[in-house]
Amino acid sequence: MEEENFNISMRKFLKMVGVSSQKEIEKAVEKAIADGRIVGTETFPAKVTLQIDGIQLKVDFDGEIRLQ
């Protein structure tokens, strides 16, 4: 295993996941507010599952998204 390439690859993947996830959450919140389904002061439980089949990794991360 080439440690430096491994770390660079992981960082690129995690950055892509973080940036893409944030954009999707922002769009969903904006749409829910525009549709009147939420008012914009809510807190939502959130869950992300990281799965890499080749190394039999599956782990859940739980947290929350606060709009205010």
C-alpha atoms as a PDB file:
ATOM      1  CA  MET A   1       0.000   0.000   0.000  1.00  0.00           C
ATOM      2  CA  GLU A   2       1.267   3.462  -0.897  1.00  0.00           C
ATOM      3  CA  GLU A   3       0.419   5.505   2.213  1.00  0.00           C
ATOM      4  CA  GLU A   4       0.578   8.940   0.567  1.00  0.00           C
ATOM      5  CA  ASN A   5      -1.657   7.965  -2.376  1.00  0.00           C
ATOM      6  CA  PHE A   6      -4.071   6.259   0.013  1.00  0.00           C
ATOM      7  CA  ASN A   7      -4.356   9.390   2.181  1.00  0.00           C
ATOM      8  CA  ILE A   8      -4.781  11.693  -0.829  1.00  0.00           C
ATOM      9  CA  SER A   9      -7.471   9.425  -2.263  1.00  0.00           C
ATOM     10  CA  MET A  10      -9.339   9.308   1.058  1.00  0.00           C
ATOM     11  CA  ARG A  11      -9.179  13.088   1.454  1.00  0.00           C
ATOM     12  CA  LYS A  12     -10.500  13.646  -2.075  1.00  0.00           C
ATOM     13  CA  PHE A  13     -13.367  11.227  -1.477  1.00  0.00           C
ATOM     14  CA  LEU A  14     -14.292  12.753   1.888  1.00  0.00           C
ATOM     15  CA  LYS A  15     -14.135  16.296   0.459  1.00  0.00           C
ATOM     16  CA  MET A  16     -16.425  15.290  -2.415  1.00  0.00           C
ATOM     17  CA  VAL A  17     -18.861  13.671   0.027  1.00  0.00           C
ATOM     18  CA  GLY A  18     -18.819  16.689   2.338  1.00  0.00           C
ATOM     19  CA  VAL A  19     -19.310  19.310  -0.374  1.00  0.00           C
ATOM     20  CA  SER A  20     -21.936  17.294  -2.267  1.00  0.00           C
ATOM     21  CA  SER A  21     -23.833  16.435   0.915  1.00  0.00           C
ATOM     22  CA  GLN A  22     -23.941  20.064   2.017  1.00  0.00           C
ATOM     23  CA  LYS A  23     -25.313  21.175  -1.358  1.00  0.00           C
ATOM     24  CA  GLU A  24     -28.019  18.489  -1.307  1.00  0.00           C
ATOM     25  CA  ILE A  25     -29.063  19.349   2.251  1.00  0.00           C
ATOM     26  CA  GLU A  26     -29.238  23.061   1.398  1.00  0.00           C
ATOM     27  CA  LYS A  27     -31.396  22.378  -1.675  1.00  0.00           C
ATOM     28  CA  ALA A  28     -33.734  20.089   0.276  1.00  0.00           C
ATOM     29  CA  VAL A  29     -34.138  22.627   3.099  1.00  0.00           C
ATOM     30  CA  GLU A  30     -34.800  25.485   0.662  1.00  0.00           C
ATOM     31  CA  LYS A  31     -37.410  23.399  -1.165  1.00  0.00           C
ATOM     32  CA  ALA A  32     -39.100  22.297   2.077  1.00  0.00           C
ATOM     33  CA  ILE A  33     -39.320  25.930   3.223  1.00  0.00           C
ATOM     34  CA  ALA A  34     -40.646  27.061  -0.178  1.00  0.00           C
ATOM     35  CA  ASP A  35     -43.228  24.250  -0.148  1.00  0.00           C
ATOM     36  CA  GLY A  36     -44.349  25.209   3.364  1.00  0.00           C
ATOM     37  CA  ARG A  37     -43.417  21.830   4.848  1.00  0.00           C
ATOM     38  CA  ILE A  38     -41.053  23.439   7.362  1.00  0.00           C
ATOM     39  CA  VAL A  39     -40.615  26.969   8.704  1.00  0.00           C
ATOM     40  CA  GLY A  40     -36.831  27.050   9.014  1.00  0.00           C
ATOM     41  CA  THR A  41     -36.401  26.763  12.774  1.00  0.00           C
ATOM     42  CA  GLU A  42     -36.419  22.975  13.028  1.00  0.00           C
ATOM     43  CA  THR A  43     -33.747  20.528  14.069  1.00  0.00           C
ATOM     44  CA  PHE A  44     -33.563  17.237  12.197  1.00  0.00           C
ATOM     45  CA  PRO A  45     -31.856  14.004  13.136  1.00  0.00           C
ATOM     46  CA  ALA A  46     -29.419  12.997  10.402  1.00  0.00           C
ATOM     47  CA  LYS A  47     -27.668   9.753   9.578  1.00  0.00           C
ATOM     48  CA  VAL A  48     -24.907   8.888   7.124  1.00  0.00           C
ATOM     49  CA  THR A  49     -23.840   5.358   6.290  1.00  0.00           C
ATOM     50  CA  LEU A  50     -20.323   4.796   4.985  1.00  0.00           C
ATOM     51  CA  GLN A  51     -20.042   1.531   3.106  1.00  0.00           C
ATOM     52  CA  ILE A  52     -17.038   0.059   1.308  1.00  0.00           C
ATOM     53  CA  ASP A  53     -17.882  -3.451   0.202  1.00  0.00           C
ATOM     54  CA  GLY A  54     -14.338  -4.473  -0.760  1.00  0.00           C
ATOM     55  CA  ILE A  55     -13.125  -4.176   2.833  1.00  0.00           C
ATOM     56  CA  GLN A  56     -16.417  -5.117   4.489  1.00  0.00           C
ATOM     57  CA  LEU A  57     -16.855  -1.704   6.087  1.00  0.00           C
ATOM     58  CA  LYS A  58     -20.267  -0.405   7.005  1.00  0.00           C
ATOM     59  CA  VAL A  59     -20.552   2.223   9.709  1.00  0.00           C
ATOM     60  CA  ASP A  60     -23.309   4.686  10.592  1.00  0.00           C
ATOM     61  CA  PHE A  61     -22.753   8.249  11.761  1.00  0.00           C
ATOM     62  CA  ASP A  62     -25.620   9.939  13.591  1.00  0.00           C
ATOM     63  CA  GLY A  63     -26.031  13.628  14.272  1.00  0.00           C
ATOM     64  CA  GLU A  64     -28.419  16.478  13.737  1.00  0.00           C
ATOM     65  CA  ILE A  65     -28.952  19.418  11.413  1.00  0.00           C
ATOM     66  CA  ARG A  66     -30.147  22.585  13.162  1.00  0.00           C
ATOM     67  CA  LEU A  67     -31.753  25.260  11.026  1.00  0.00           C
ATOM     68  CA  GLN A  68     -31.602  27.870  13.763  1.00  0.00           C
END
